[in-house]
Protein backbone atom coordinates (compact mmCIF):
# COMPACT_ATOMS: atom_id res chain seq x y z
CA MET A 1 41.14 -15.06 66.23
CA ALA A 2 40.53 -17.36 63.35
CA GLY A 3 36.96 -17.89 64.58
CA ASN A 4 36.16 -14.18 64.40
CA ARG A 5 36.88 -13.89 60.68
CA ARG A 6 33.90 -13.68 58.45
CA ASN A 7 33.51 -16.05 55.57
CA THR A 8 34.03 -14.23 52.32
CA PHE A 9 31.20 -14.19 49.80
CA ASN A 10 32.53 -16.19 46.86
CA GLU A 11 29.34 -17.01 44.93
CA ILE A 12 27.10 -14.79 42.77
CA ASN A 13 23.38 -15.26 43.20
CA ILE A 14 21.92 -15.49 39.67
CA THR A 15 18.30 -15.96 40.73
CA PRO A 16 17.32 -12.26 40.21
CA LEU A 17 19.05 -12.28 36.83
CA THR A 18 17.13 -15.39 35.80
CA ASP A 19 13.86 -13.79 36.89
CA ILE A 20 14.57 -10.73 34.76
CA PHE A 21 15.36 -12.87 31.70
CA LEU A 22 12.17 -14.87 32.13
CA VAL A 23 10.08 -11.70 32.36
CA LEU A 24 11.76 -10.33 29.21
CA LEU A 25 11.13 -13.63 27.42
CA ILE A 26 7.44 -13.54 28.31
CA ILE A 27 7.14 -9.93 27.14
CA MET A 28 8.78 -10.80 23.81
CA MET A 29 6.50 -13.82 23.35
CA VAL A 30 3.44 -11.60 23.85
CA ILE A 31 4.65 -8.76 21.61
CA ALA A 32 6.12 -10.81 18.73
CA PRO A 33 2.78 -11.93 17.19
CA LEU A 34 1.55 -8.33 17.23
CA LEU A 35 4.50 -7.16 15.13
CA ASP A 36 3.53 -9.40 12.21
CA ASN A 37 0.17 -7.67 11.73
CA GLN A 38 1.62 -4.26 11.04
CA GLY A 39 1.66 -2.93 7.53
CA LEU A 40 -0.45 -1.31 4.93
CA ASN A 41 -3.30 -3.17 3.29
CA LEU A 42 -3.16 -2.38 -0.40
CA ASN A 43 -5.08 -3.73 -3.30
CA VAL A 44 -2.50 -3.72 -6.04
CA PRO A 45 -4.01 -2.80 -9.38
CA GLU A 46 -4.18 -5.51 -11.97
CA ILE A 47 -1.56 -5.27 -14.71
CA VAL A 48 -2.76 -6.42 -18.12
CA LYS A 49 -1.16 -6.40 -21.54
CA GLN A 50 -2.80 -4.15 -24.07
CA GLU A 51 -3.47 -7.09 -26.39
CA ASN A 52 -5.66 -8.71 -23.71
CA ILE A 53 -8.06 -5.77 -23.45
CA LYS A 54 -11.48 -6.65 -24.80
CA GLN A 55 -12.85 -4.04 -27.15
CA ASP A 56 -16.46 -4.72 -26.13
CA THR A 57 -15.94 -3.98 -22.44
CA LYS A 58 -17.27 -0.79 -20.97
CA LEU A 59 -14.08 0.56 -19.46
CA ILE A 60 -13.23 4.18 -18.81
CA ASN A 61 -9.97 4.69 -20.72
CA VAL A 62 -7.67 7.35 -19.29
CA LEU A 63 -4.33 8.23 -20.84
CA VAL A 64 -1.66 9.76 -18.61
CA SER A 65 0.70 11.58 -20.97
CA ASP A 66 4.43 12.14 -20.63
CA ASN A 67 3.83 15.64 -19.25
CA ASP A 68 1.31 14.28 -16.66
CA LYS A 69 -1.84 15.45 -18.42
CA TYR A 70 -4.99 13.33 -18.33
CA PHE A 71 -6.94 12.46 -21.48
CA ILE A 72 -10.33 10.74 -21.53
CA ASP A 73 -11.61 9.97 -25.05
CA ASP A 74 -8.88 12.21 -26.51
CA GLU A 75 -10.09 15.20 -24.49
CA GLU A 76 -7.85 16.70 -21.84
CA VAL A 77 -9.27 16.69 -18.32
CA MET A 78 -7.88 19.02 -15.70
CA PRO A 79 -6.60 17.30 -12.52
CA ASN A 80 -9.12 19.11 -10.30
CA GLU A 81 -12.02 17.89 -12.50
CA LEU A 82 -10.97 14.22 -12.61
CA GLN A 83 -13.21 12.97 -9.82
CA ASP A 84 -16.35 14.65 -11.18
CA VAL A 85 -15.73 13.41 -14.73
CA LEU A 86 -15.06 9.86 -13.50
CA LYS A 87 -18.30 9.90 -11.46
CA LYS A 88 -20.27 10.89 -14.55
CA LEU A 89 -18.64 8.23 -16.74
CA LYS A 90 -19.03 5.49 -14.14
CA GLY A 91 -22.74 5.11 -14.86
CA ASP A 92 -22.21 4.54 -18.59
CA LYS A 93 -19.08 2.41 -18.22
CA PRO A 94 -19.45 0.18 -15.14
CA ASP A 95 -16.61 -2.27 -15.90
CA GLY A 96 -13.96 -0.13 -14.27
CA LEU A 97 -11.02 2.06 -15.19
CA LEU A 98 -8.15 1.39 -17.58
CA ILE A 99 -5.13 3.62 -17.03
CA GLN A 100 -2.76 3.87 -19.97
CA SER A 101 0.44 5.59 -18.95
CA GLN A 102 3.09 6.79 -21.33
CA PRO A 103 6.71 5.89 -20.51
CA ASN A 104 7.72 9.26 -19.04
CA SER A 105 4.58 9.90 -16.99
CA THR A 106 5.25 10.17 -13.28
CA HIS A 107 4.17 7.73 -10.61
CA GLY A 108 2.50 10.58 -8.73
CA ALA A 109 0.20 11.40 -11.66
CA VAL A 110 -0.96 7.78 -11.91
CA VAL A 111 -1.51 7.54 -8.15
CA LYS A 112 -3.49 10.80 -8.19
CA LEU A 113 -5.72 9.34 -10.92
CA MET A 114 -6.18 6.13 -8.91
CA ASP A 115 -7.13 8.13 -5.80
CA ASN A 116 -9.68 10.15 -7.74
CA ALA A 117 -11.12 6.96 -9.24
CA ARG A 118 -11.44 5.37 -5.81
CA ASN A 119 -13.14 8.50 -4.47
CA ALA A 120 -15.52 8.40 -7.46
CA GLY A 121 -16.55 4.85 -6.48
CA ILE A 122 -14.57 2.89 -9.06
CA THR A 123 -13.23 -0.34 -7.58
CA SER A 124 -11.79 -2.15 -10.62
CA ILE A 125 -8.62 -0.48 -11.88
CA SER A 126 -6.21 -1.82 -14.50
CA VAL A 127 -2.91 -0.27 -15.56
CA VAL A 128 -1.19 -0.52 -18.94
CA GLY A 129 2.34 0.81 -19.11
CA GLY A 130 3.65 2.37 -22.26
């Protein structure tokens, strides 16, 4: 009767498990370099001190006031007219745009001005904080 007994299975076959881990490793090695290229390409505006601004440059000066109003040459410009006004001034003042923001102006107002400037074709933007 001892010859009729089956041998019990005492070992675990790890070959399929190893195959799975190798496949996962290869997938991760292929995907990992692709993850580094994600993100948003931004050109951060140049920050300059007000003392470094040349007076002879032909910059469009825009003041963003504390209550988020826009002033170009001491004249208020409505937000919906910004892009048209900046397009007109770009021909006379080709050096770019200088944004002067007062301390309590909002980030959104400055970003809206930068978007309008970009849409008007202005590529050089500087920001002076108040």
